[in-house]
Every structure is written in C-alpha cells, then in structure tokens.
C-alpha cells in the first residue's frame, strides 16, 4: 500500500505545535525504512523530509506535511523510507498519542486524526 501523505493548514499546524513537542535534528536522520512498519508518524514543522524509494529521493516534503500515521496505526509496512534533513524541525507522533486522541472527548477534529480516517 502506497504511503499516505497529508498536508495540514497553518492553523492545523499551530494546533499540533501546542499539543506536541517540536524536535530539531542536527544531522540527517533516517527514521522510516522501506518494508518496515513505521514506529512513528512525522509532522514537518520546518525544514525538509525526503521520501525515499530504493535509497533515491522521490519527493521532498516541507512544512505542513504529515506522514506515517496511517501505516503506524494499521501496522502496514512502509513502501518508502523517510530521511529527516539536518536542521529540520518535526513532531514525532507515537501510536499511543494518536490512540489517546481518538479516545478523548472533543478531540475528533484534531488535525492528526484526519490522517487515519
């Protein structure tokens, strides 16, 4: 199954930034590998994340893109790898974070939940 890539509006990104910790990566970091179930979802706050197939860049994702949560929740292997580029700021979204949001009252409109519908 092809990776699902979502784009969040600036308002939706602001909600994410309030609810989750923003991490800055000093160096390039491969965080998702092809044919493995992702261990986290990724929201790009600033910078770039490369979408890789056979170690070649197929697409570069920038601010507002969110990936990996559909595969994370449904435990599907990734068809592409992801590399966070140096100096990029991202939010890591764990499976427990997403499930907790799904169960919380009043969180049905949270931006990351649209990525797993």
Protein backbone atom coordinates (compact mmCIF):
# COMPACT_ATOMS: atom_id res chain seq x y z
CA UNK A 1 0.00 0.00 0.00
CA UNK A 2 1.37 3.41 -1.01
CA UNK A 3 2.21 5.83 1.80
CA UNK A 4 -0.47 8.35 2.59
CA UNK A 5 0.80 11.91 2.70
CA UNK A 6 -1.38 14.61 4.22
CA UNK A 7 -1.00 18.37 4.21
CA UNK A 8 -2.07 20.42 7.21
CA UNK A 9 -3.09 24.06 7.05
CA UNK A 10 -1.15 26.62 9.07
CA UNK A 11 -3.99 26.67 11.62
CA UNK A 12 -3.86 22.87 11.98
CA UNK A 13 -0.06 23.04 12.36
CA UNK A 14 -0.48 25.55 15.18
CA UNK A 15 -2.74 23.06 17.00
CA UNK A 16 -0.07 20.36 16.62
CA UNK A 17 2.66 22.68 17.89
CA UNK A 18 0.64 23.41 21.03
CA UNK A 19 -0.12 19.73 21.69
CA UNK A 20 3.24 18.09 20.89
CA UNK A 21 6.95 18.65 21.38
CA UNK A 22 8.95 20.03 18.44
CA UNK A 23 12.30 18.31 17.86
CA UNK A 24 15.21 19.73 15.88
CA UNK A 25 17.56 17.31 14.14
CA UNK A 26 21.20 18.43 13.95
CA UNK A 27 22.09 15.89 11.25
CA UNK A 28 20.31 13.92 8.53
CA UNK A 29 18.44 11.02 10.14
CA UNK A 30 16.75 8.01 8.51
CA UNK A 31 13.63 7.50 10.60
CA UNK A 32 11.49 5.17 8.46
CA UNK A 33 12.81 2.32 6.33
CA UNK A 34 11.16 0.66 3.34
CA UNK A 35 9.24 -2.55 4.11
CA UNK A 36 9.12 -1.89 7.86
CA UNK A 37 6.15 -0.73 9.91
CA UNK A 38 6.88 2.86 10.97
CA UNK A 39 7.49 3.37 14.68
CA UNK A 40 6.26 6.96 14.50
CA UNK A 41 4.31 9.41 12.42
CA UNK A 42 6.05 12.59 11.32
CA UNK A 43 4.77 16.15 11.01
CA UNK A 44 7.15 18.58 9.31
CA UNK A 45 7.19 21.88 11.20
CA UNK A 46 10.16 23.44 9.41
CA UNK A 47 12.79 22.13 7.03
CA UNK A 48 12.60 19.03 4.87
CA UNK A 49 11.92 15.31 4.99
CA UNK A 50 12.92 13.22 1.99
CA UNK A 51 10.66 10.43 0.78
CA UNK A 52 12.96 7.62 -0.48
CA UNK A 53 12.49 4.59 -2.71
CA UNK A 54 15.48 2.27 -3.22
CA UNK A 55 17.64 4.92 -1.47
CA UNK A 56 16.75 7.55 -4.09
CA UNK A 57 14.81 10.72 -3.27
CA UNK A 58 11.36 10.57 -4.88
CA UNK A 59 9.80 13.53 -3.13
CA UNK A 60 10.75 16.22 -0.65
CA UNK A 61 8.18 17.09 1.98
CA UNK A 62 8.16 20.51 3.63
CA UNK A 63 6.28 22.37 6.34
CA UNK A 64 2.75 21.15 6.88
CA UNK A 65 3.19 17.61 5.57
CA UNK A 66 2.33 14.70 7.83
CA UNK A 67 3.19 11.09 7.03
CA UNK A 68 3.34 7.65 8.57
CA UNK A 69 0.36 7.76 10.89
CA UNK A 70 -1.94 5.65 8.74
CA UNK A 71 0.70 2.92 8.41
CA UNK A 72 1.61 3.21 12.08
CA UNK A 73 -1.95 2.74 13.34
CA UNK A 74 -2.81 -0.02 10.86
CA UNK A 75 0.61 -1.70 11.14
CA UNK A 76 1.26 -1.66 7.39
CA UNK A 77 4.87 -1.81 6.16
CA UNK A 78 6.14 1.39 4.57
CA UNK A 79 6.72 1.33 0.83
CA UNK A 80 9.09 4.30 1.13
CA UNK A 81 11.75 5.37 3.57
CA UNK A 82 11.95 8.81 5.16
CA UNK A 83 15.03 10.87 5.93
CA UNK A 84 14.81 13.94 8.13
CA UNK A 85 17.22 16.56 6.80
CA UNK A 86 19.66 18.41 9.07
CA UNK A 87 18.28 21.43 10.93
CA UNK A 88 14.68 20.35 10.29
CA UNK A 89 12.05 20.69 12.99
CA UNK A 90 9.48 17.93 13.26
CA UNK A 91 6.90 16.49 15.58
CA UNK A 92 7.00 12.74 16.20
CA UNK A 93 3.56 11.20 16.65
CA UNK A 94 3.51 7.92 18.51
CA UNK A 95 0.80 5.32 18.20
CA UNK A 96 -0.23 5.88 21.83
CA UNK A 97 -0.56 9.65 21.19
CA UNK A 98 -2.87 9.04 18.26
CA UNK A 99 -4.97 6.42 20.02
CA UNK A 100 -5.29 8.65 23.07
CA UNK A 101 -6.55 11.49 20.88
CA UNK A 102 -9.07 9.17 19.22
CA UNK A 103 -10.47 8.24 22.63
CA UNK A 104 -10.51 11.75 24.11
CA UNK A 105 -13.78 13.63 24.18
CA UNK A 106 -13.75 16.69 21.95
CA UNK A 107 -10.66 15.65 20.01
CA UNK A 108 -12.45 14.25 16.95
CA UNK A 109 -11.47 17.33 14.94
CA UNK A 110 -7.78 17.20 15.87
CA UNK A 111 -5.67 17.59 12.69
CA UNK A 112 -3.76 14.34 13.00
CA UNK A 113 -6.95 12.31 13.20
CA UNK A 114 -7.87 13.18 9.64
CA UNK A 115 -4.75 11.29 8.62
CA UNK A 116 -6.06 7.96 9.86
CA UNK A 117 -9.62 8.08 8.61
